C-alpha atoms as a PDB file:
ATOM      1  CA  MET A   1       5.275   5.379  16.213  1.00  0.00           C
ATOM      2  CA  PHE A   2       6.205   8.605  13.987  1.00  0.00           C
ATOM      3  CA  PRO A   3       9.290  10.765  13.694  1.00  0.00           C
ATOM      4  CA  ALA A   4       9.386  13.321  16.170  1.00  0.00           C
ATOM      5  CA  ASN A   5       7.664  17.074  15.294  1.00  0.00           C
ATOM      6  CA  GLY A   6       9.616  19.225  12.809  1.00  0.00           C
ATOM      7  CA  THR A   7      11.543  15.985  11.273  1.00  0.00           C
ATOM      8  CA  GLU A   8      12.271  16.306   7.602  1.00  0.00           C
ATOM      9  CA  LEU A   9      11.692  13.847   5.184  1.00  0.00           C
ATOM     10  CA  GLN A  10      14.499  14.271   2.040  1.00  0.00           C
ATOM     11  CA  PHE A  11      15.042  11.724  -0.459  1.00  0.00           C
ATOM     12  CA  ASN A  12      18.487  11.491  -2.391  1.00  0.00           C
ATOM     13  CA  SER A  13      17.870  14.376  -4.453  1.00  0.00           C
ATOM     14  CA  GLY A  14      18.003  16.563  -1.020  1.00  0.00           C
ATOM     15  CA  GLU A  15      14.525  18.000  -2.355  1.00  0.00           C
ATOM     16  CA  LEU A  16      12.464  18.864   0.798  1.00  0.00           C
ATOM     17  CA  VAL A  17       9.156  16.723   0.540  1.00  0.00           C
ATOM     18  CA  PHE A  18       7.584  16.549   3.601  1.00  0.00           C
ATOM     19  CA  ARG A  19       8.475  17.853   7.739  1.00  0.00           C
ATOM     20  CA  MET A  20       6.832  14.819   9.849  1.00  0.00           C
ATOM     21  CA  GLY A  21       4.721  16.629  12.669  1.00  0.00           C
ATOM     22  CA  ASP A  22       2.196  18.136  10.195  1.00  0.00           C
ATOM     23  CA  ARG A  23      -0.320  16.035   9.814  1.00  0.00           C
ATOM     24  CA  MET A  24      -0.672  14.069   6.393  1.00  0.00           C
ATOM     25  CA  LYS A  25      -3.138  13.813   4.474  1.00  0.00           C
ATOM     26  CA  VAL A  26      -3.380   9.681   3.408  1.00  0.00           C
ATOM     27  CA  CYS A  27      -4.749   8.207   0.740  1.00  0.00           C
ATOM     28  CA  ILE A  28      -5.799   4.008   0.962  1.00  0.00           C
ATOM     29  CA  ALA A  29      -6.380   2.876  -2.878  1.00  0.00           C
ATOM     30  CA  TYR A  30      -7.471  -0.821  -2.096  1.00  0.00           C
ATOM     31  CA  MET A  31      -8.399  -3.934  -4.552  1.00  0.00           C
ATOM     32  CA  SER A  32     -10.375  -6.627  -2.528  1.00  0.00           C
ATOM     33  CA  TYR A  33     -12.407  -9.726  -3.613  1.00  0.00           C
ATOM     34  CA  TYR A  34     -12.888 -11.243  -0.359  1.00  0.00           C
ATOM     35  CA  GLY A  35     -12.927  -8.592   1.845  1.00  0.00           C
ATOM     36  CA  ASN A  36      -8.855  -9.496   3.111  1.00  0.00           C
ATOM     37  CA  GLY A  37      -7.729  -6.642   1.440  1.00  0.00           C
ATOM     38  CA  LYS A  38     -10.490  -3.744   3.261  1.00  0.00           C
ATOM     39  CA  MET A  39      -9.672  -5.774   6.491  1.00  0.00           C
ATOM     40  CA  VAL A  40      -5.928  -4.551   6.257  1.00  0.00           C
ATOM     41  CA  ALA A  41      -7.104  -0.865   4.769  1.00  0.00           C
ATOM     42  CA  GLU A  42      -9.065  -0.242   7.538  1.00  0.00           C
ATOM     43  CA  GLU A  43      -6.531  -1.623   9.896  1.00  0.00           C
ATOM     44  CA  MET A  44      -3.653   0.850   8.301  1.00  0.00           C
ATOM     45  CA  ALA A  45      -6.807   3.797   8.440  1.00  0.00           C
ATOM     46  CA  SER A  46      -7.241   3.232  11.793  1.00  0.00           C
ATOM     47  CA  LEU A  47      -3.751   3.258  13.034  1.00  0.00           C
ATOM     48  CA  LEU A  48      -2.711   6.319  10.661  1.00  0.00           C
ATOM     49  CA  GLY A  49      -5.703   7.999  11.801  1.00  0.00           C
ATOM     50  CA  ASP A  50      -4.790   7.296  15.650  1.00  0.00           C
ATOM     51  CA  ALA A  51      -1.889   8.755  14.824  1.00  0.00           C
ATOM     52  CA  GLY A  52      -3.463  12.281  13.321  1.00  0.00           C
ATOM     53  CA  HIS A  53      -3.064  11.803   9.947  1.00  0.00           C
ATOM     54  CA  GLN A  54      -6.102  12.567   7.659  1.00  0.00           C
ATOM     55  CA  ILE A  55      -7.232   9.465   5.938  1.00  0.00           C
ATOM     56  CA  THR A  56      -9.422   8.615   2.580  1.00  0.00           C
ATOM     57  CA  MET A  57     -10.065   4.986   1.688  1.00  0.00           C
ATOM     58  CA  VAL A  58     -10.901   4.237  -2.131  1.00  0.00           C
ATOM     59  CA  GLN A  59     -11.624   0.772  -3.331  1.00  0.00           C
ATOM     60  CA  VAL A  60     -10.238   0.347  -6.811  1.00  0.00           C
ATOM     61  CA  ARG A  61     -13.410  -0.530  -8.347  1.00  0.00           C
ATOM     62  CA  ASP A  62     -12.670  -0.611 -12.133  1.00  0.00           C
ATOM     63  CA  GLY A  63      -9.373   0.430 -12.452  1.00  0.00           C
ATOM     64  CA  GLY A  64      -9.435   4.024 -13.096  1.00  0.00           C
ATOM     65  CA  ARG A  65      -8.522   6.959 -10.893  1.00  0.00           C
ATOM     66  CA  ASN A  66     -11.851   6.881  -8.860  1.00  0.00           C
ATOM     67  CA  ASP A  67     -11.269  10.757  -8.636  1.00  0.00           C
ATOM     68  CA  LEU A  68      -8.248  10.382  -6.106  1.00  0.00           C
ATOM     69  CA  PRO A  69      -8.201  12.736  -3.491  1.00  0.00           C
ATOM     70  CA  GLU A  70      -5.081  15.113  -2.884  1.00  0.00           C
ATOM     71  CA  SER A  71      -2.887  13.224  -0.586  1.00  0.00           C
ATOM     72  CA  ASP A  72       0.885  13.552   0.333  1.00  0.00           C
ATOM     73  CA  LEU A  73       1.082   9.583   0.441  1.00  0.00           C
ATOM     74  CA  LEU A  74      -1.116   7.127  -1.203  1.00  0.00           C
ATOM     75  CA  VAL A  75      -0.829   3.567   0.127  1.00  0.00           C
ATOM     76  CA  VAL A  76      -1.882   1.041  -3.010  1.00  0.00           C
ATOM     77  CA  GLY A  77      -3.042  -2.323  -1.891  1.00  0.00           C
ATOM     78  CA  THR A  78      -4.095  -5.031  -4.129  1.00  0.00           C
ATOM     79  CA  PRO A  79      -4.262  -8.864  -4.159  1.00  0.00           C
ATOM     80  CA  ILE A  80      -2.166 -11.219  -6.108  1.00  0.00           C
ATOM     81  CA  ARG A  81      -4.068 -13.683  -8.084  1.00  0.00           C
ATOM     82  CA  MET A  82      -2.577 -16.733  -9.852  1.00  0.00           C
ATOM     83  CA  GLY A  83       0.997 -15.431  -9.049  1.00  0.00           C
ATOM     84  CA  LYS A  84      -0.053 -11.561 -10.878  1.00  0.00           C
ATOM     85  CA  ILE A  85      -0.887  -8.277  -9.117  1.00  0.00           C
ATOM     86  CA  VAL A  86      -4.683  -7.880 -10.704  1.00  0.00           C
ATOM     87  CA  ARG A  87      -5.806  -6.539 -13.968  1.00  0.00           C
ATOM     88  CA  LYS A  88      -7.628  -3.457 -12.017  1.00  0.00           C
ATOM     89  CA  THR A  89      -4.352  -2.695 -10.112  1.00  0.00           C
ATOM     90  CA  ARG A  90      -2.495  -2.437 -12.990  1.00  0.00           C
ATOM     91  CA  LYS A  91      -4.687  -0.546 -14.983  1.00  0.00           C
ATOM     92  CA  PHE A  92      -5.363   1.534 -11.643  1.00  0.00           C
ATOM     93  CA  VAL A  93      -1.598   2.222 -11.430  1.00  0.00           C
ATOM     94  CA  LYS A  94      -1.156   3.170 -15.441  1.00  0.00           C
ATOM     95  CA  THR A  95      -3.075   6.590 -14.240  1.00  0.00           C
ATOM     96  CA  LEU A  96      -0.388   7.711 -11.382  1.00  0.00           C
ATOM     97  CA  ASN A  97       2.304  10.091 -12.102  1.00  0.00           C
ATOM     98  CA  GLY A  98       4.541  11.748  -9.355  1.00  0.00           C
ATOM     99  CA  ARG A  99       3.160  10.474  -6.175  1.00  0.00           C
ATOM    100  CA  ARG A 100       4.673   9.348  -3.167  1.00  0.00           C
ATOM    101  CA  TYR A 101       3.337   5.622  -2.662  1.00  0.00           C
ATOM    102  CA  ALA A 102       3.647   2.456  -0.418  1.00  0.00           C
ATOM    103  CA  LEU A 103       2.441  -0.651  -1.337  1.00  0.00           C
ATOM    104  CA  TYR A 104       1.108  -3.800   0.403  1.00  0.00           C
ATOM    105  CA  VAL A 105      -0.260  -7.232  -1.255  1.00  0.00           C
ATOM    106  CA  THR A 106      -2.428  -9.887   0.086  1.00  0.00           C
ATOM    107  CA  HIS A 107      -1.399 -13.161  -1.550  1.00  0.00           C
ATOM    108  CA  ALA A 108      -2.058 -17.226  -0.830  1.00  0.00           C
ATOM    109  CA  SER A 109       1.087 -19.557   0.301  1.00  0.00           C
ATOM    110  CA  ASP A 110       0.947 -21.602  -2.905  1.00  0.00           C
ATOM    111  CA  ILE A 111      -0.527 -21.786  -6.504  1.00  0.00           C
ATOM    112  CA  ASP A 112      -1.074 -25.558  -7.429  1.00  0.00           C
ATOM    113  CA  GLY A 113       0.780 -27.015  -4.742  1.00  0.00           C
ATOM    114  CA  ASN A 114       3.992 -25.002  -5.492  1.00  0.00           C
ATOM    115  CA  LYS A 115       5.161 -22.487  -2.795  1.00  0.00           C
ATOM    116  CA  PHE A 116       4.523 -19.022  -4.200  1.00  0.00           C
ATOM    117  CA  THR A 117       7.136 -15.747  -3.318  1.00  0.00           C
ATOM    118  CA  PRO A 118       4.829 -12.695  -3.752  1.00  0.00           C
ATOM    119  CA  THR A 119       8.239 -10.688  -3.841  1.00  0.00           C
ATOM    120  CA  GLU A 120       8.519 -10.770  -7.820  1.00  0.00           C
ATOM    121  CA  PRO A 121       4.610  -9.109  -9.089  1.00  0.00           C
ATOM    122  CA  ALA A 122       5.549  -6.750  -6.602  1.00  0.00           C
ATOM    123  CA  ASN A 123       8.425  -5.392  -7.660  1.00  0.00           C
ATOM    124  CA  ASP A 124       7.631  -5.535 -11.078  1.00  0.00           C
ATOM    125  CA  LEU A 125       4.484  -3.465 -10.086  1.00  0.00           C
ATOM    126  CA  MET A 126       6.938  -1.037  -8.228  1.00  0.00           C
ATOM    127  CA  THR A 127       9.469  -0.986 -10.811  1.00  0.00           C
ATOM    128  CA  TYR A 128       6.969   0.589 -13.319  1.00  0.00           C
ATOM    129  CA  MET A 129       5.263   2.776 -10.989  1.00  0.00           C
ATOM    130  CA  GLU A 130       8.805   4.328 -10.196  1.00  0.00           C
ATOM    131  CA  SER A 131       9.215   4.626 -14.423  1.00  0.00           C
ATOM    132  CA  ARG A 132       6.024   6.971 -14.142  1.00  0.00           C
ATOM    133  CA  GLY A 133       7.836   9.197 -11.893  1.00  0.00           C
ATOM    134  CA  ASN A 134       6.186   7.817  -8.785  1.00  0.00           C
ATOM    135  CA  GLN A 135       8.463   7.377  -5.435  1.00  0.00           C
ATOM    136  CA  CYS A 136       8.235   4.229  -3.198  1.00  0.00           C
ATOM    137  CA  VAL A 137       8.451   5.451   0.711  1.00  0.00           C
ATOM    138  CA  SER A 138       8.951   2.325   2.498  1.00  0.00           C
ATOM    139  CA  GLU A 139       9.202  -1.606   1.742  1.00  0.00           C
ATOM    140  CA  PRO A 140       6.028  -3.484   0.775  1.00  0.00           C
ATOM    141  CA  LEU A 141       4.095  -5.185   2.732  1.00  0.00           C
ATOM    142  CA  PHE A 142       2.645  -8.902   2.292  1.00  0.00           C
ATOM    143  CA  ILE A 143      -0.120 -10.210   4.107  1.00  0.00           C
ATOM    144  CA  GLN A 144      -0.659 -14.061   3.349  1.00  0.00           C
ATOM    145  CA  VAL A 145      -3.978 -15.519   3.410  1.00  0.00           C
ATOM    146  CA  GLN A 146      -4.385 -19.140   4.639  1.00  0.00           C
ATOM    147  CA  GLU A 147      -7.455 -19.848   1.946  1.00  0.00           C
ATOM    148  CA  MET A 148      -9.207 -18.276  -0.804  1.00  0.00           C
ATOM    149  CA  LYS A 149     -10.914 -15.999   1.134  1.00  0.00           C
ATOM    150  CA  GLY A 150      -9.046 -16.176   4.528  1.00  0.00           C
ATOM    151  CA  PRO A 151      -8.423 -15.827   6.928  1.00  0.00           C
ATOM    152  CA  LEU A 152      -5.161 -13.557   7.125  1.00  0.00           C
ATOM    153  CA  GLU A 153      -2.030 -14.912   8.685  1.00  0.00           C
ATOM    154  CA  GLU A 154      -1.651 -14.899  12.315  1.00  0.00           C
ATOM    155  CA  GLY A 155       0.064 -11.694  13.495  1.00  0.00           C
ATOM    156  CA  TRP A 156      -1.420  -9.748  10.358  1.00  0.00           C
ATOM    157  CA  ARG A 157      -2.288  -6.677  12.448  1.00  0.00           C
ATOM    158  CA  GLN A 158       1.522  -6.325  14.059  1.00  0.00           C
ATOM    159  CA  LYS A 159       2.537  -6.751  10.283  1.00  0.00           C
ATOM    160  CA  VAL A 160       0.497  -3.684   9.600  1.00  0.00           C
ATOM    161  CA  ALA A 161       1.255  -1.578  12.619  1.00  0.00           C
ATOM    162  CA  ASP A 162       5.179  -2.260  11.458  1.00  0.00           C
ATOM    163  CA  PHE A 163       4.362  -1.135   8.207  1.00  0.00           C
ATOM    164  CA  VAL A 164       2.615   2.127   9.344  1.00  0.00           C
ATOM    165  CA  SER A 165       5.653   3.266  11.494  1.00  0.00           C
ATOM    166  CA  SER A 166       7.949   2.477   8.372  1.00  0.00           C
ATOM    167  CA  LEU A 167       5.366   5.231   6.308  1.00  0.00           C
ATOM    168  CA  ASN A 168       7.908   8.413   6.899  1.00  0.00           C
END
């Protein structure tokens, strides 16, 4: 699932950021209204934990930093409501600087009967985060919620497993 011990993770600058094979400290900070985002966070935490990484989960409640623990990777999970990243998540990411991060999004398939594509709000959030010195390590994960309160789309666990595999 993860690269072999001793694999070095480097970015465009050539700066050594992390040597795989070491255990990563991963913080999963998620926002969830109906439990869908929490289910995704728990599945991700289980897979990362099984791979030997140290996991901390933090629910974004008030939009503040929630005293985030030190971590090698921050995974931000958020719902999209009415075509936008929710306010608590937008407020939360304003407190982040210089973090390695990944993003996952839970979203409905349509808004008022119109087909909805979640990539634009997610890309806007990522652009903002990168403008604050944060560095994304993977493509975002999108998990569709079938109805307002769930269930999650068929095959969502495999999508989470594929996403976890991409987190270098």
